[in-house]
Amino acid sequence: MMAEYPVRLTPDDNGTLLVTSPDFPELTTFGEDRDDALARAIDAFDEAIAARIARREDVPRPSKGRVRVALRSMTAVKLILYQEMRDQGIGKAELARRLHWHLPQVDRVLDIQHQSRLDQIDAALGAIGLRLHVNV
């Protein structure tokens, strides 16, 4: 699962830690300490992924790295949905047709910032041939 991305933590001149990602050159944030930096990185990944989806760009698969940041669960499943749609050549209009949804509903289910319901995500994944399994 594409749930964890590597980050680099670099001390800066202000006594904070700069956070960057080898997989997302546009991602930059900082934190007062390691825990703060990693927490802020989660938000930064949400923004970077949302921007790539909005621009209809590929989202890279995670590369190797010692320090990793886990995506929020909803971000991870929306990313899986988006990438699988791209891999299969399924556009938003086709997904809407398969689900009998209006296009704004599809936009919301792909919107990282929107709090979609799990049943909606499950239906969207099912429409492209995937099943959502949750393990704890």
N, C-alpha and C. Protein backbone atom coordinates (compact mmCIF):
# COMPACT_ATOMS: atom_id res chain seq x y z
N MET A 1 0.85 -1.19 0.00
CA MET A 1 0.00 0.00 0.00
C MET A 1 0.88 1.23 0.00
N MET A 2 0.43 2.26 -0.67
CA MET A 2 1.21 3.49 -0.81
C MET A 2 0.95 4.42 0.37
N ALA A 3 1.19 3.97 1.59
CA ALA A 3 0.76 4.77 2.73
C ALA A 3 1.89 5.53 3.42
N GLU A 4 3.14 5.26 3.10
CA GLU A 4 4.25 5.94 3.77
C GLU A 4 5.25 6.47 2.77
N TYR A 5 5.63 7.72 2.95
CA TYR A 5 6.62 8.37 2.09
C TYR A 5 7.83 8.77 2.91
N PRO A 6 9.01 8.70 2.29
CA PRO A 6 10.22 9.11 3.01
C PRO A 6 10.33 10.64 3.08
N VAL A 7 10.96 11.10 4.15
CA VAL A 7 11.25 12.52 4.31
C VAL A 7 12.69 12.68 4.76
N ARG A 8 13.20 13.88 4.53
CA ARG A 8 14.51 14.27 5.04
C ARG A 8 14.29 15.35 6.09
N LEU A 9 14.92 15.21 7.24
CA LEU A 9 14.86 16.20 8.30
C LEU A 9 16.23 16.85 8.40
N THR A 10 16.27 18.16 8.18
CA THR A 10 17.53 18.89 8.17
C THR A 10 17.46 20.06 9.15
N PRO A 11 18.36 20.09 10.13
CA PRO A 11 18.37 21.25 11.04
C PRO A 11 18.66 22.53 10.24
N ASP A 12 17.94 23.61 10.55
CA ASP A 12 18.19 24.87 9.86
C ASP A 12 18.79 25.88 10.84
N ASP A 13 19.04 27.08 10.35
CA ASP A 13 19.70 28.11 11.15
C ASP A 13 18.85 28.66 12.28
N ASN A 14 17.54 28.41 12.25
CA ASN A 14 16.62 28.93 13.27
C ASN A 14 16.38 27.96 14.42
N GLY A 15 17.08 26.84 14.43
CA GLY A 15 16.88 25.85 15.47
C GLY A 15 15.69 24.95 15.22
N THR A 16 15.12 25.01 14.04
CA THR A 16 14.01 24.14 13.68
C THR A 16 14.49 23.08 12.70
N LEU A 17 13.61 22.15 12.38
CA LEU A 17 13.93 21.11 11.42
C LEU A 17 13.18 21.36 10.12
N LEU A 18 13.93 21.41 9.03
CA LEU A 18 13.35 21.54 7.70
C LEU A 18 12.96 20.15 7.22
N VAL A 19 11.75 20.01 6.67
CA VAL A 19 11.27 18.73 6.16
C VAL A 19 11.12 18.85 4.65
N THR A 20 11.74 17.92 3.93
CA THR A 20 11.60 17.82 2.49
C THR A 20 11.33 16.36 2.15
N SER A 21 10.92 16.13 0.90
CA SER A 21 10.66 14.76 0.47
C SER A 21 11.35 14.51 -0.87
N PRO A 22 12.05 13.38 -0.98
CA PRO A 22 12.67 13.08 -2.28
C PRO A 22 11.63 12.79 -3.37
N ASP A 23 10.43 12.40 -2.97
CA ASP A 23 9.39 12.05 -3.94
C ASP A 23 8.55 13.25 -4.38
N PHE A 24 8.54 14.31 -3.59
CA PHE A 24 7.77 15.52 -3.88
C PHE A 24 8.69 16.73 -3.73
N PRO A 25 9.35 17.15 -4.79
CA PRO A 25 10.26 18.29 -4.70
C PRO A 25 9.57 19.55 -4.19
N GLU A 26 8.27 19.68 -4.40
CA GLU A 26 7.53 20.86 -3.98
C GLU A 26 7.21 20.86 -2.49
N LEU A 27 7.40 19.76 -1.80
CA LEU A 27 7.04 19.65 -0.40
C LEU A 27 8.14 20.21 0.49
N THR A 28 7.79 21.22 1.25
CA THR A 28 8.70 21.81 2.22
C THR A 28 7.88 22.28 3.41
N THR A 29 8.29 21.88 4.60
CA THR A 29 7.68 22.38 5.82
C THR A 29 8.75 22.35 6.90
N PHE A 30 8.38 22.66 8.11
CA PHE A 30 9.35 22.68 9.20
C PHE A 30 8.64 22.33 10.50
N GLY A 31 9.43 22.07 11.53
CA GLY A 31 8.88 21.82 12.85
C GLY A 31 9.85 22.25 13.92
N GLU A 32 9.33 22.49 15.08
CA GLU A 32 10.17 22.91 16.22
C GLU A 32 11.08 21.78 16.68
N ASP A 33 10.60 20.54 16.57
CA ASP A 33 11.39 19.36 16.91
C ASP A 33 10.98 18.23 15.98
N ARG A 34 11.52 17.05 16.18
CA ARG A 34 11.25 15.92 15.28
C ARG A 34 9.75 15.59 15.21
N ASP A 35 9.11 15.47 16.37
CA ASP A 35 7.68 15.13 16.39
C ASP A 35 6.84 16.18 15.69
N ASP A 36 7.12 17.44 15.94
CA ASP A 36 6.38 18.54 15.31
C ASP A 36 6.61 18.53 13.80
N ALA A 37 7.85 18.31 13.40
CA ALA A 37 8.18 18.29 11.96
C ALA A 37 7.44 17.16 11.25
N LEU A 38 7.41 15.98 11.85
CA LEU A 38 6.73 14.85 11.22
C LEU A 38 5.22 15.05 11.18
N ALA A 39 4.66 15.67 12.21
CA ALA A 39 3.22 15.96 12.21
C ALA A 39 2.88 16.96 11.12
N ARG A 40 3.71 17.99 10.96
CA ARG A 40 3.46 18.98 9.90
C ARG A 40 3.65 18.37 8.51
N ALA A 41 4.51 17.37 8.42
CA ALA A 41 4.74 16.72 7.13
C ALA A 41 3.47 16.02 6.63
N ILE A 42 2.67 15.50 7.55
CA ILE A 42 1.42 14.85 7.15
C ILE A 42 0.53 15.84 6.41
N ASP A 43 0.38 17.05 6.96
CA ASP A 43 -0.40 18.09 6.29
C ASP A 43 0.22 18.48 4.95
N ALA A 44 1.54 18.56 4.92
CA ALA A 44 2.23 18.94 3.68
C ALA A 44 2.01 17.89 2.58
N PHE A 45 2.02 16.61 2.96
CA PHE A 45 1.74 15.57 1.96
C PHE A 45 0.31 15.67 1.45
N ASP A 46 -0.64 15.94 2.35
CA ASP A 46 -2.03 16.14 1.90
C ASP A 46 -2.10 17.23 0.84
N GLU A 47 -1.44 18.35 1.09
CA GLU A 47 -1.46 19.47 0.14
C GLU A 47 -0.78 19.12 -1.17
N ALA A 48 0.37 18.47 -1.09
CA ALA A 48 1.11 18.11 -2.32
C ALA A 48 0.32 17.11 -3.16
N ILE A 49 -0.28 16.13 -2.52
CA ILE A 49 -1.06 15.13 -3.25
C ILE A 49 -2.31 15.77 -3.84
N ALA A 50 -2.99 16.60 -3.06
CA ALA A 50 -4.19 17.29 -3.55
C ALA A 50 -3.87 18.14 -4.77
N ALA A 51 -2.73 18.83 -4.75
CA ALA A 51 -2.34 19.67 -5.88
C ALA A 51 -2.07 18.83 -7.12
N ARG A 52 -1.41 17.70 -6.95
CA ARG A 52 -1.14 16.84 -8.11
C ARG A 52 -2.42 16.26 -8.68
N ILE A 53 -3.36 15.89 -7.81
CA ILE A 53 -4.64 15.38 -8.30
C ILE A 53 -5.38 16.49 -9.05
N ALA A 54 -5.40 17.69 -8.50
CA ALA A 54 -6.08 18.82 -9.15
C ALA A 54 -5.49 19.11 -10.52
N ARG A 55 -4.17 18.93 -10.67
CA ARG A 55 -3.51 19.16 -11.96
C ARG A 55 -3.53 17.92 -12.85
N ARG A 56 -4.16 16.85 -12.36
CA ARG A 56 -4.26 15.57 -13.08
C ARG A 56 -2.89 14.99 -13.41
N GLU A 57 -1.99 15.08 -12.45
CA GLU A 57 -0.64 14.56 -12.60
C GLU A 57 -0.51 13.23 -11.87
N ASP A 58 0.49 12.46 -12.26
CA ASP A 58 0.79 11.25 -11.52
C ASP A 58 1.29 11.62 -10.13
N VAL A 59 1.02 10.74 -9.20
CA VAL A 59 1.54 10.87 -7.84
C VAL A 59 2.58 9.75 -7.71
N PRO A 60 3.81 10.09 -7.35
CA PRO A 60 4.85 9.06 -7.32
C PRO A 60 4.60 8.00 -6.26
N ARG A 61 5.06 6.81 -6.55
CA ARG A 61 5.05 5.75 -5.55
C ARG A 61 6.17 6.07 -4.55
N PRO A 62 6.04 5.65 -3.31
CA PRO A 62 7.08 5.96 -2.32
C PRO A 62 8.42 5.33 -2.69
N SER A 63 9.46 6.10 -2.50
CA SER A 63 10.80 5.59 -2.69
C SER A 63 11.32 5.07 -1.34
N LYS A 64 12.55 4.63 -1.33
CA LYS A 64 13.16 4.13 -0.10
C LYS A 64 13.55 5.30 0.78
N GLY A 65 13.60 5.06 2.05
CA GLY A 65 14.05 6.09 2.99
C GLY A 65 13.87 5.61 4.41
N ARG A 66 14.78 6.02 5.27
CA ARG A 66 14.76 5.57 6.66
C ARG A 66 13.66 6.23 7.46
N VAL A 67 13.53 7.56 7.32
CA VAL A 67 12.49 8.29 8.03
C VAL A 67 11.29 8.40 7.11
N ARG A 68 10.14 7.89 7.58
CA ARG A 68 8.95 7.82 6.74
C ARG A 68 7.77 8.46 7.45
N VAL A 69 6.86 9.02 6.66
CA VAL A 69 5.64 9.64 7.18
C VAL A 69 4.45 8.87 6.61
N ALA A 70 3.57 8.42 7.50
CA ALA A 70 2.37 7.70 7.08
C ALA A 70 1.29 8.72 6.70
N LEU A 71 0.68 8.51 5.55
CA LEU A 71 -0.43 9.35 5.13
C LEU A 71 -1.64 9.06 6.01
N ARG A 72 -2.54 10.03 6.10
CA ARG A 72 -3.82 9.78 6.75
C ARG A 72 -4.53 8.67 5.96
N SER A 73 -5.32 7.87 6.65
CA SER A 73 -6.00 6.74 6.01
C SER A 73 -6.85 7.19 4.83
N MET A 74 -7.62 8.26 5.00
CA MET A 74 -8.50 8.71 3.92
C MET A 74 -7.68 9.22 2.74
N THR A 75 -6.56 9.88 3.01
CA THR A 75 -5.68 10.33 1.93
C THR A 75 -5.16 9.12 1.16
N ALA A 76 -4.76 8.09 1.89
CA ALA A 76 -4.20 6.89 1.26
C ALA A 76 -5.22 6.21 0.35
N VAL A 77 -6.46 6.05 0.81
CA VAL A 77 -7.45 5.36 -0.03
C VAL A 77 -7.88 6.22 -1.21
N LYS A 78 -7.94 7.54 -1.03
CA LYS A 78 -8.28 8.41 -2.17
C LYS A 78 -7.15 8.39 -3.19
N LEU A 79 -5.93 8.32 -2.71
CA LEU A 79 -4.79 8.24 -3.62
C LEU A 79 -4.81 6.92 -4.39
N ILE A 80 -5.13 5.84 -3.73
CA ILE A 80 -5.24 4.55 -4.41
C ILE A 80 -6.32 4.62 -5.49
N LEU A 81 -7.47 5.20 -5.15
CA LEU A 81 -8.55 5.35 -6.12
C LEU A 81 -8.08 6.17 -7.33
N TYR A 82 -7.46 7.31 -7.06
CA TYR A 82 -7.00 8.19 -8.14
C TYR A 82 -5.97 7.49 -9.04
N GLN A 83 -4.97 6.85 -8.44
CA GLN A 83 -3.92 6.22 -9.24
C GLN A 83 -4.47 5.05 -10.04
N GLU A 84 -5.38 4.28 -9.44
CA GLU A 84 -5.95 3.15 -10.17
C GLU A 84 -6.81 3.63 -11.34
N MET A 85 -7.54 4.72 -11.14
CA MET A 85 -8.31 5.30 -12.24
C MET A 85 -7.37 5.70 -13.38
N ARG A 86 -6.26 6.33 -13.04
CA ARG A 86 -5.28 6.72 -14.07
C ARG A 86 -4.70 5.49 -14.76
N ASP A 87 -4.34 4.48 -13.96
CA ASP A 87 -3.73 3.27 -14.53
C ASP A 87 -4.69 2.57 -15.49
N GLN A 88 -5.98 2.59 -15.17
CA GLN A 88 -6.98 1.92 -16.01
C GLN A 88 -7.53 2.83 -17.11
N GLY A 89 -7.15 4.10 -17.11
CA GLY A 89 -7.67 5.03 -18.11
C GLY A 89 -9.12 5.41 -17.88
N ILE A 90 -9.54 5.40 -16.62
CA ILE A 90 -10.92 5.74 -16.27
C ILE A 90 -10.96 7.19 -15.81
N GLY A 91 -11.73 8.02 -16.52
CA GLY A 91 -11.88 9.42 -16.14
C GLY A 91 -12.99 9.61 -15.13
N LYS A 92 -13.10 10.83 -14.65
CA LYS A 92 -14.14 11.14 -13.67
C LYS A 92 -15.54 10.95 -14.24
N ALA A 93 -15.74 11.30 -15.49
CA ALA A 93 -17.06 11.14 -16.12
C ALA A 93 -17.45 9.67 -16.19
N GLU A 94 -16.49 8.82 -16.52
CA GLU A 94 -16.78 7.38 -16.59
C GLU A 94 -17.08 6.82 -15.20
N LEU A 95 -16.34 7.28 -14.19
CA LEU A 95 -16.62 6.81 -12.83
C LEU A 95 -18.02 7.26 -12.40
N ALA A 96 -18.38 8.49 -12.72
CA ALA A 96 -19.72 8.99 -12.40
C ALA A 96 -20.79 8.14 -13.08
N ARG A 97 -20.56 7.78 -14.33
CA ARG A 97 -21.52 6.95 -15.06
C ARG A 97 -21.68 5.59 -14.39
N ARG A 98 -20.55 4.98 -14.03
CA ARG A 98 -20.59 3.65 -13.41
C ARG A 98 -21.31 3.66 -12.06
N LEU A 99 -21.17 4.77 -11.34
CA LEU A 99 -21.76 4.86 -10.00
C LEU A 99 -23.16 5.48 -10.00
N HIS A 100 -23.57 6.01 -11.15
CA HIS A 100 -24.84 6.76 -11.23
C HIS A 100 -24.80 7.97 -10.30
N TRP A 101 -23.65 8.64 -10.30
CA TRP A 101 -23.43 9.84 -9.49
C TRP A 101 -23.36 11.04 -10.42
N HIS A 102 -23.52 12.21 -9.83
CA HIS A 102 -23.25 13.46 -10.54
C HIS A 102 -21.75 13.73 -10.44
N LEU A 103 -21.22 14.46 -11.40
CA LEU A 103 -19.78 14.74 -11.43
C LEU A 103 -19.27 15.39 -10.14
N PRO A 104 -20.01 16.33 -9.52
CA PRO A 104 -19.50 16.90 -8.25
C PRO A 104 -19.29 15.85 -7.15
N GLN A 105 -20.07 14.78 -7.17
CA GLN A 105 -19.88 13.72 -6.19
C GLN A 105 -18.54 13.01 -6.41
N VAL A 106 -18.19 12.81 -7.66
CA VAL A 106 -16.89 12.20 -7.98
C VAL A 106 -15.77 13.15 -7.59
N ASP A 107 -15.95 14.45 -7.88
CA ASP A 107 -14.94 15.43 -7.49
C ASP A 107 -14.68 15.37 -5.98
N ARG A 108 -15.74 15.27 -5.21
CA ARG A 108 -15.58 15.23 -3.75
C ARG A 108 -14.90 13.96 -3.27
N VAL A 109 -15.22 12.83 -3.90
CA VAL A 109 -14.62 11.57 -3.46
C VAL A 109 -13.12 11.53 -3.78
N LEU A 110 -12.68 12.34 -4.72
CA LEU A 110 -11.25 12.44 -5.05
C LEU A 110 -10.56 13.61 -4.35
N ASP A 111 -11.32 14.46 -3.70
CA ASP A 111 -10.79 15.66 -3.03
C ASP A 111 -10.19 15.27 -1.67
N ILE A 112 -8.89 15.42 -1.53
CA ILE A 112 -8.19 15.06 -0.30
C ILE A 112 -8.74 15.84 0.90
N GLN A 113 -9.15 17.07 0.67
CA GLN A 113 -9.63 17.92 1.78
C GLN A 113 -11.07 17.61 2.18
N HIS A 114 -11.82 16.91 1.35
CA HIS A 114 -13.22 16.61 1.64
C HIS A 114 -13.32 15.36 2.51
N GLN A 115 -14.13 15.41 3.53
CA GLN A 115 -14.33 14.27 4.42
C GLN A 115 -15.37 13.32 3.84
N SER A 116 -14.95 12.51 2.91
CA SER A 116 -15.84 11.55 2.27
C SER A 116 -16.22 10.45 3.25
N ARG A 117 -17.38 9.86 3.00
CA ARG A 117 -17.81 8.72 3.81
C ARG A 117 -17.14 7.46 3.26
N LEU A 118 -16.86 6.55 4.14
CA LEU A 118 -16.19 5.32 3.76
C LEU A 118 -17.02 4.50 2.77
N ASP A 119 -18.35 4.53 2.88
CA ASP A 119 -19.18 3.78 1.93
C ASP A 119 -19.06 4.37 0.52
N GLN A 120 -18.83 5.67 0.42
CA GLN A 120 -18.64 6.29 -0.90
C GLN A 120 -17.32 5.85 -1.52
N ILE A 121 -16.27 5.84 -0.69
CA ILE A 121 -14.96 5.39 -1.16
C ILE A 121 -15.05 3.93 -1.59
N ASP A 122 -15.72 3.12 -0.78
CA ASP A 122 -15.87 1.71 -1.07
C ASP A 122 -16.60 1.50 -2.40
N ALA A 123 -17.67 2.27 -2.63
CA ALA A 123 -18.42 2.17 -3.88
C ALA A 123 -17.56 2.58 -5.07
N ALA A 124 -16.80 3.67 -4.92
CA ALA A 124 -15.95 4.14 -6.01
C ALA A 124 -14.87 3.11 -6.35
N LEU A 125 -14.26 2.54 -5.32
CA LEU A 125 -13.25 1.50 -5.56
C LEU A 125 -13.89 0.29 -6.25
N GLY A 126 -15.08 -0.08 -5.80
CA GLY A 126 -15.77 -1.21 -6.41
C GLY A 126 -16.08 -0.98 -7.87
N ALA A 127 -16.38 0.26 -8.23
CA ALA A 127 -16.71 0.59 -9.62
C ALA A 127 -15.53 0.45 -10.56
N ILE A 128 -14.32 0.41 -10.01
CA ILE A 128 -13.13 0.22 -10.86
C ILE A 128 -12.48 -1.14 -10.60
N GLY A 129 -13.22 -2.01 -9.90
CA GLY A 129 -12.74 -3.38 -9.73
C GLY A 129 -11.88 -3.64 -8.50
N LEU A 130 -11.90 -2.73 -7.54
CA LEU A 130 -11.11 -2.93 -6.32
C LEU A 130 -12.04 -3.12 -5.13
N ARG A 131 -11.50 -3.74 -4.09
CA ARG A 131 -12.25 -3.88 -2.84
C ARG A 131 -11.42 -3.30 -1.71
N LEU A 132 -12.09 -2.64 -0.81
CA LEU A 132 -11.43 -2.05 0.34
C LEU A 132 -11.41 -3.07 1.48
N HIS A 133 -10.22 -3.38 1.96
CA HIS A 133 -10.05 -4.27 3.11
C HIS A 133 -9.38 -3.48 4.21
N VAL A 134 -9.88 -3.58 5.42
CA VAL A 134 -9.30 -2.86 6.55
C VAL A 134 -8.73 -3.88 7.52
N ASN A 135 -7.49 -3.71 7.89
CA ASN A 135 -6.83 -4.55 8.89
C ASN A 135 -6.35 -3.68 10.03
N VAL A 136 -6.48 -4.19 11.22
CA VAL A 136 -5.99 -3.46 12.39
C VAL A 136 -4.98 -4.33 13.10
